[in-house]
C-alpha cells in the first residue's frame, strides 16, 4: 500500500447550539474586527451572528451571490478595507463562504465559516470566481477557513428542495474523490462514510424537516464529503458543473444533482474500486440509476432541460471542457461529452 495524504489544518466546532461559541472562536484566532458575510436571504442570520460577536463585529456585507462574481468580490474586499477588518465571518451556503475565500485570496484575512447548507466549501482550499461568463477555480491554503462552526440547528429552516440538492452536491464531492488520481485509503473511508450518512439523512429530512438527528447526520456527511474534495483533484463532474454555473448561471446545487448520475455512469466502469465503495454506501447494484431515482423521488429536477439548458449550448460546454486538461478515469472526447450531455438534458436515467 503506497499513497500520500496531506491533512489540512482544520478546526471544527460541531454540535447543536455551537453558533453561540463564535465569540470564543474569534478570540482564539486573535481577530477583533470581523466583517460578517452573507447573501441577502441570510441577512437576519448574519445580524444575529453580529450580535453574538458584539464589539468583535466590524460590519456586515450581505450581497454574496452564487458563483462569486468578481464585481461582488471586489465590493466585499473594499468593504473589508473600509471597515478595517482583520478577519471575516462567512455564514450561509457556498455563496457566502466562497466570498470569504475571495477576500482571503487577495488579503490573507482569516475566515471563520458557519455553513447552513451541505455544500462543503468550508472544508476545502478551493476558490472560485466568475468573470464574463467564465468561472475560474484554484487551490490556495490562504483561503482555507481557520475555524468551521457546524450547528445543525441553523439548517432546520433550510427548505427540503435546497436540502436535497445541497446534499447531492456533497455526494458529488465524495464520488469524485473515490476515483481521483490522488485518492488514498483515508480519503476513501471518509468518502464512503460521507455518502452513506448523507444518503440516509436526506429521506429523513424530506419526511420531517425539523428532525435534528437527520440534520446532524447530513451536516456530518457534508463535512466528510467536503473534506474529500479538499484532499483530492476534481474531475469531469466538477468541470461540467462549473461551466454550467459560470457560463449559463444555472443553480449550482441543482446542476450537481442532475449531472452526477450521468458522469457516474460514464466514469464508474473505469473505476471499479470507487463503484464498489458507492454500492456499499448506497446499498445498490446500480449506482447511477440509484442516484437518479433517489434525487427524483426527493423532488429534485430530473434533467438539465428543466434547469433551462438547451442542446444549442452543447458546443460551448464541450469547447470549454476540452480547453484545459484535468484528471479523469476515462478519456473525455467531444463525442463522449455530447452523448453525456444529451442524456443529462433529457433525464434518461430518471424514472
Protein backbone atom coordinates (compact mmCIF):
# COMPACT_ATOMS: atom_id res chain seq x y z
CA UNK A 1 0.00 0.00 0.00
CA UNK A 2 1.59 3.25 -1.17
CA UNK A 3 -0.07 6.65 -1.03
CA UNK A 4 0.34 10.26 0.03
CA UNK A 5 -2.18 12.01 2.26
CA UNK A 6 -1.70 15.59 3.38
CA UNK A 7 -4.04 16.62 6.19
CA UNK A 8 -5.42 20.14 6.05
CA UNK A 9 -5.09 22.27 9.23
CA UNK A 10 -8.79 22.48 10.05
CA UNK A 11 -10.51 23.31 13.33
CA UNK A 12 -14.13 22.15 13.57
CA UNK A 13 -16.68 23.02 16.25
CA UNK A 14 -19.64 20.67 15.80
CA UNK A 15 -22.97 20.36 17.56
CA UNK A 16 -26.39 21.85 18.11
CA UNK A 17 -26.12 25.34 19.57
CA UNK A 18 -22.45 25.75 18.65
CA UNK A 19 -23.14 29.13 16.98
CA UNK A 20 -23.00 30.57 20.49
CA UNK A 21 -19.29 29.79 20.55
CA UNK A 22 -18.50 32.41 17.88
CA UNK A 23 -17.02 34.94 20.34
CA UNK A 24 -14.65 32.31 21.71
CA UNK A 25 -13.60 31.26 18.21
CA UNK A 26 -12.85 34.86 17.27
CA UNK A 27 -10.87 35.33 20.46
CA UNK A 28 -8.92 32.13 19.89
CA UNK A 29 -7.90 33.37 16.43
CA UNK A 30 -6.98 36.78 17.82
CA UNK A 31 -9.34 38.64 15.49
CA UNK A 32 -11.12 41.71 16.86
CA UNK A 33 -12.85 43.20 13.81
CA UNK A 34 -14.75 40.60 11.79
CA UNK A 35 -16.69 41.54 8.66
CA UNK A 36 -19.79 39.32 8.58
CA UNK A 37 -20.65 37.99 5.09
CA UNK A 38 -23.94 36.53 3.86
CA UNK A 39 -26.38 36.50 0.97
CA UNK A 40 -29.36 38.90 1.08
CA UNK A 41 -31.58 35.97 2.09
CA UNK A 42 -29.48 35.30 5.19
CA UNK A 43 -29.29 38.92 6.33
CA UNK A 44 -31.21 38.21 9.53
CA UNK A 45 -28.93 35.33 10.46
CA UNK A 46 -25.89 37.49 9.71
CA UNK A 47 -27.32 40.13 12.02
CA UNK A 48 -27.75 37.54 14.76
CA UNK A 49 -24.13 36.46 14.32
CA UNK A 50 -23.06 40.10 14.51
CA UNK A 51 -24.96 40.47 17.78
CA UNK A 52 -23.23 37.41 19.20
CA UNK A 53 -19.84 38.84 18.21
CA UNK A 54 -20.60 42.18 19.82
CA UNK A 55 -17.62 44.52 19.61
CA UNK A 56 -15.74 41.95 17.53
CA UNK A 57 -18.07 42.70 14.60
CA UNK A 58 -16.71 45.36 12.24
CA UNK A 59 -19.78 45.41 9.97
CA UNK A 60 -21.95 43.39 7.60
CA UNK A 61 -21.72 42.71 3.87
CA UNK A 62 -24.87 40.85 2.81
CA UNK A 63 -24.59 40.85 -1.00
CA UNK A 64 -22.91 37.48 -1.58
CA UNK A 65 -24.04 35.81 -4.79
CA UNK A 66 -23.87 32.38 -6.36
CA UNK A 67 -20.65 31.59 -8.29
CA UNK A 68 -18.88 34.62 -6.69
CA UNK A 69 -18.96 37.25 -9.47
CA UNK A 70 -15.74 39.27 -9.48
CA UNK A 71 -17.69 42.53 -9.05
CA UNK A 72 -19.20 41.26 -5.80
CA UNK A 73 -15.79 40.03 -4.63
CA UNK A 74 -14.26 43.46 -5.32
CA UNK A 75 -17.06 45.20 -3.43
CA UNK A 76 -16.61 42.87 -0.46
CA UNK A 77 -12.85 43.42 -0.44
CA UNK A 78 -13.46 47.17 -0.41
CA UNK A 79 -15.93 46.77 2.47
CA UNK A 80 -13.33 44.82 4.44
CA UNK A 81 -10.74 47.54 3.88
CA UNK A 82 -13.16 50.33 4.76
CA UNK A 83 -14.15 48.53 7.97
CA UNK A 84 -10.50 47.94 8.85
CA UNK A 85 -11.45 44.27 9.28
CA UNK A 86 -8.84 41.82 10.49
CA UNK A 87 -10.95 38.79 9.58
CA UNK A 88 -14.23 37.62 8.06
CA UNK A 89 -17.13 35.53 9.27
CA UNK A 90 -18.89 33.79 6.37
CA UNK A 91 -22.32 32.49 7.37
CA UNK A 92 -24.60 30.68 4.96
CA UNK A 93 -24.03 28.40 1.98
CA UNK A 94 -21.38 28.17 -0.68
CA UNK A 95 -22.02 31.72 -1.92
CA UNK A 96 -21.08 33.37 1.38
CA UNK A 97 -18.22 31.00 2.10
CA UNK A 98 -16.91 31.43 -1.43
CA UNK A 99 -16.97 35.19 -0.95
CA UNK A 100 -14.95 34.85 2.25
CA UNK A 101 -12.39 32.86 0.29
CA UNK A 102 -12.22 35.55 -2.39
CA UNK A 103 -11.35 38.12 0.27
CA UNK A 104 -8.79 35.82 1.86
CA UNK A 105 -7.20 35.09 -1.51
CA UNK A 106 -6.17 38.69 -2.04
CA UNK A 107 -5.74 39.87 1.55
CA UNK A 108 -4.83 36.84 3.63
CA UNK A 109 -7.51 37.73 6.19
CA UNK A 110 -8.53 34.71 8.29
CA UNK A 111 -12.04 33.35 7.75
CA UNK A 112 -14.43 31.69 10.18
CA UNK A 113 -17.11 29.73 8.33
CA UNK A 114 -20.57 28.86 9.60
CA UNK A 115 -22.22 26.61 6.96
CA UNK A 116 -26.00 26.48 6.75
CA UNK A 117 -26.12 24.12 3.74
CA UNK A 118 -24.29 20.93 2.79
CA UNK A 119 -22.11 22.39 0.01
CA UNK A 120 -18.83 21.59 1.79
CA UNK A 121 -16.79 24.56 0.55
CA UNK A 122 -15.77 25.32 4.13
CA UNK A 123 -13.57 22.20 4.18
CA UNK A 124 -11.50 22.98 1.08
CA UNK A 125 -8.72 25.31 -0.10
CA UNK A 126 -10.58 25.63 -3.42
CA UNK A 127 -11.68 29.10 -4.53
CA UNK A 128 -13.82 30.15 -7.50
CA UNK A 129 -14.55 33.47 -9.23
CA UNK A 130 -16.83 34.17 -12.18
CA UNK A 131 -15.91 36.87 -14.70
CA UNK A 132 -17.62 37.50 -18.06
CA UNK A 133 -19.31 34.11 -18.08
CA UNK A 134 -16.22 32.10 -17.15
CA UNK A 135 -15.71 30.50 -13.77
CA UNK A 136 -12.08 30.23 -12.69
CA UNK A 137 -11.09 27.96 -9.84
CA UNK A 138 -7.85 27.34 -8.00
CA UNK A 139 -6.39 25.94 -4.81
CA UNK A 140 -4.62 28.05 -2.20
CA UNK A 141 -4.09 27.33 1.50
CA UNK A 142 -4.68 31.04 2.20
CA UNK A 143 -8.44 30.63 1.57
CA UNK A 144 -8.92 27.64 3.87
CA UNK A 145 -11.17 28.72 6.76
CA UNK A 146 -9.32 28.81 10.07
CA UNK A 147 -12.36 27.62 12.00
CA UNK A 148 -15.62 25.95 10.94
CA UNK A 149 -18.68 26.02 13.17
CA UNK A 150 -21.24 23.33 12.31
CA UNK A 151 -24.54 23.97 14.08
CA UNK A 152 -27.32 21.62 12.87
CA UNK A 153 -29.93 23.95 14.33
CA UNK A 154 -29.05 26.51 11.64
CA UNK A 155 -30.13 24.04 8.93
CA UNK A 156 -33.61 23.38 10.34
CA UNK A 157 -35.14 26.09 8.16
CA UNK A 158 -33.28 25.04 5.02
CA UNK A 159 -36.09 24.16 2.59
CA UNK A 160 -36.38 20.49 1.68
CA UNK A 161 -35.68 21.10 -2.02
CA UNK A 162 -32.49 23.02 -1.21
CA UNK A 163 -31.50 20.43 1.39
CA UNK A 164 -31.82 17.68 -1.21
CA UNK A 165 -29.80 19.35 -3.96
CA UNK A 166 -27.22 20.62 -1.48
CA UNK A 167 -26.88 17.08 -0.16
CA UNK A 168 -26.34 15.67 -3.65
CA UNK A 169 -23.75 18.39 -4.20
CA UNK A 170 -21.91 16.96 -1.19
CA UNK A 171 -22.23 13.41 -2.51
CA UNK A 172 -20.67 14.55 -5.81
CA UNK A 173 -17.54 15.62 -3.92
CA UNK A 174 -17.16 12.16 -2.42
CA UNK A 175 -17.86 10.35 -5.70
CA UNK A 176 -15.07 12.20 -7.50
CA UNK A 177 -12.71 11.76 -4.55
CA UNK A 178 -13.10 7.98 -4.79
CA UNK A 179 -11.60 7.87 -8.30
CA UNK A 180 -9.30 10.89 -8.09
CA UNK A 181 -5.65 10.24 -9.10
CA UNK A 182 -4.54 11.34 -5.63
CA UNK A 183 -7.11 9.27 -3.74
CA UNK A 184 -5.92 7.42 -0.66
CA UNK A 185 -7.38 4.85 1.74
CA UNK A 186 -8.01 7.67 4.24
CA UNK A 187 -9.97 9.76 1.75
CA UNK A 188 -11.86 6.72 0.51
CA UNK A 189 -13.01 5.89 4.03
CA UNK A 190 -14.27 9.45 4.51
CA UNK A 191 -15.96 9.43 1.10
CA UNK A 192 -17.82 6.17 1.64
CA UNK A 193 -18.99 7.17 5.10
CA UNK A 194 -19.95 10.66 3.89
CA UNK A 195 -22.13 9.21 1.11
CA UNK A 196 -23.70 6.69 3.49
CA UNK A 197 -24.51 9.37 6.06
CA UNK A 198 -25.99 11.78 3.51
CA UNK A 199 -27.99 9.08 1.72
CA UNK A 200 -29.64 8.09 5.00
CA UNK A 201 -30.26 11.66 6.15
CA UNK A 202 -31.93 13.17 3.09
CA UNK A 203 -35.09 10.99 3.03
CA UNK A 204 -35.49 11.60 6.78
CA UNK A 205 -35.20 15.37 6.23
CA UNK A 206 -37.77 15.21 3.43
CA UNK A 207 -40.15 13.35 5.75
CA UNK A 208 -39.54 15.73 8.69
CA UNK A 209 -37.50 18.89 8.01
CA UNK A 210 -37.34 19.53 11.76
CA UNK A 211 -35.62 16.23 12.55
CA UNK A 212 -32.48 17.45 14.35
CA UNK A 213 -30.89 13.98 14.26
CA UNK A 214 -31.28 13.81 10.47
CA UNK A 215 -29.96 17.36 10.10
CA UNK A 216 -26.98 16.42 12.26
CA UNK A 217 -26.27 13.33 10.15
CA UNK A 218 -26.49 15.40 6.95
CA UNK A 219 -24.09 18.02 8.28
CA UNK A 220 -21.73 15.27 9.38
CA UNK A 221 -21.90 13.80 5.88
CA UNK A 222 -21.31 17.21 4.32
CA UNK A 223 -18.21 17.69 6.47
CA UNK A 224 -16.76 14.34 5.36
CA UNK A 225 -17.62 14.86 1.69
CA UNK A 226 -16.22 18.39 1.72
CA UNK A 227 -13.00 17.16 3.32
CA UNK A 228 -12.67 14.65 0.47
CA UNK A 229 -12.93 17.45 -2.08
CA UNK A 230 -10.31 19.40 -0.18
CA UNK A 231 -7.87 16.48 -0.28
CA UNK A 232 -8.18 15.38 -3.92
CA UNK A 233 -8.31 16.56 -7.52
CA UNK A 234 -11.58 17.46 -9.22
CA UNK A 235 -12.54 15.65 -12.41
CA UNK A 236 -15.15 15.72 -15.18
CA UNK A 237 -18.19 16.18 -12.95
CA UNK A 238 -16.99 19.39 -11.33
CA UNK A 239 -15.63 20.68 -14.64
CA UNK A 240 -19.06 20.37 -16.27
CA UNK A 241 -20.86 21.88 -13.28
CA UNK A 242 -18.50 24.88 -13.14
CA UNK A 243 -19.17 25.57 -16.81
CA UNK A 244 -22.94 25.25 -16.41
CA UNK A 245 -22.84 27.59 -13.42
CA UNK A 246 -20.28 30.13 -14.56
CA UNK A 247 -21.35 30.48 -18.20
CA UNK A 248 -25.07 29.70 -18.06
CA UNK A 249 -25.77 30.82 -14.47
CA UNK A 250 -27.60 27.60 -13.64
CA UNK A 251 -28.20 26.87 -9.94
CA UNK A 252 -25.09 25.25 -8.51
CA UNK A 253 -26.53 22.51 -6.30
CA UNK A 254 -29.32 21.59 -8.72
CA UNK A 255 -26.80 21.19 -11.54
CA UNK A 256 -24.66 18.86 -9.39
CA UNK A 257 -27.76 16.80 -8.61
CA UNK A 258 -28.78 16.35 -12.25
CA UNK A 259 -25.30 15.79 -13.70
CA UNK A 260 -23.95 13.38 -11.07
CA UNK A 261 -25.69 10.16 -12.22
CA UNK A 262 -24.59 10.67 -15.83
CA UNK A 263 -20.94 11.33 -15.02
CA UNK A 264 -21.07 8.34 -12.66
CA UNK A 265 -22.44 6.18 -15.47
CA UNK A 266 -19.59 7.35 -17.70
CA UNK A 267 -16.74 7.04 -15.19
CA UNK A 268 -17.53 4.18 -12.82
CA UNK A 269 -16.95 1.37 -15.35
CA UNK A 270 -13.34 2.59 -15.44
CA UNK A 271 -13.17 2.92 -11.63
CA UNK A 272 -14.32 -0.43 -10.16
CA UNK A 273 -13.00 0.26 -6.65
CA UNK A 274 -14.97 3.50 -6.47
CA UNK A 275 -18.02 1.71 -7.85
CA UNK A 276 -17.83 -0.94 -5.14
CA UNK A 277 -17.49 1.66 -2.39
CA UNK A 278 -20.55 3.52 -3.66
CA UNK A 279 -22.55 0.32 -3.98
CA UNK A 280 -21.83 -0.39 -0.33
CA UNK A 281 -22.65 3.16 0.78
CA UNK A 282 -25.90 3.33 -1.19
CA UNK A 283 -26.90 -0.34 -0.80
CA UNK A 284 -27.46 -0.73 -4.53
CA UNK A 285 -26.20 -2.72 -7.50
CA UNK A 286 -26.57 0.20 -9.91
CA UNK A 287 -25.10 3.46 -8.61
CA UNK A 288 -26.06 5.82 -11.47
CA UNK A 289 -29.69 4.69 -11.58
CA UNK A 290 -29.93 4.75 -7.79
CA UNK A 291 -28.66 8.36 -7.68
CA UNK A 292 -31.08 9.46 -10.39
CA UNK A 293 -34.03 7.68 -8.81
CA UNK A 294 -33.29 8.93 -5.30
CA UNK A 295 -32.99 12.53 -6.47
CA UNK A 296 -36.25 12.32 -8.42
CA UNK A 297 -38.11 10.70 -5.51
CA UNK A 298 -36.94 13.56 -3.27
CA UNK A 299 -38.32 16.13 -5.70
CA UNK A 300 -35.17 17.33 -7.47
CA UNK A 301 -35.09 18.29 -11.14
CA UNK A 302 -34.72 15.27 -13.40
CA UNK A 303 -32.97 16.89 -16.35
CA UNK A 304 -30.83 19.81 -17.45
CA UNK A 305 -33.71 20.88 -19.68
CA UNK A 306 -35.74 21.57 -16.53
CA UNK A 307 -32.96 23.91 -15.40
CA UNK A 308 -33.04 25.86 -18.66
CA UNK A 309 -30.24 24.31 -20.74
CA UNK A 310 -30.77 23.57 -24.44
CA UNK A 311 -28.90 21.47 -27.00
CA UNK A 312 -27.71 24.70 -28.63
CA UNK A 313 -25.49 25.21 -25.57
CA UNK A 314 -23.55 21.98 -26.05
CA UNK A 315 -20.83 23.33 -28.36
CA UNK A 316 -19.80 25.98 -25.82
CA UNK A 317 -19.78 23.46 -22.95
CA UNK A 318 -17.69 20.98 -24.92
CA UNK A 319 -15.24 23.64 -26.06
CA UNK A 320 -14.65 24.80 -22.50
CA UNK A 321 -14.44 21.27 -21.10
CA UNK A 322 -11.82 20.33 -23.69
CA UNK A 323 -9.83 23.55 -23.39
CA UNK A 324 -7.99 22.62 -20.20
CA UNK A 325 -6.74 19.18 -19.20
CA UNK A 326 -7.94 17.58 -15.96
CA UNK A 327 -7.71 14.14 -14.42
CA UNK A 328 -10.48 11.67 -15.17
CA UNK A 329 -10.75 7.86 -15.04
CA UNK A 330 -11.76 7.72 -18.73
CA UNK A 331 -10.59 9.78 -21.70
CA UNK A 332 -13.06 12.59 -22.36
CA UNK A 333 -13.74 13.06 -26.07
CA UNK A 334 -16.05 15.60 -27.65
CA UNK A 335 -18.30 12.77 -28.80
CA UNK A 336 -18.49 11.29 -25.30
CA UNK A 337 -19.26 14.69 -23.80
CA UNK A 338 -22.06 15.30 -26.29
CA UNK A 339 -23.58 11.92 -25.50
CA UNK A 340 -23.35 12.52 -21.74
CA UNK A 341 -24.89 15.99 -22.05
CA UNK A 342 -27.70 14.68 -24.24
CA UNK A 343 -28.63 12.06 -21.67
CA UNK A 344 -28.50 14.61 -18.84
CA UNK A 345 -30.51 17.11 -20.88
CA UNK A 346 -33.27 14.55 -21.39
CA UNK A 347 -33.03 12.90 -17.96
CA UNK A 348 -32.81 9.40 -19.39
CA UNK A 349 -31.78 7.80 -16.08
CA UNK A 350 -34.56 9.44 -14.04
CA UNK A 351 -37.73 7.36 -13.58
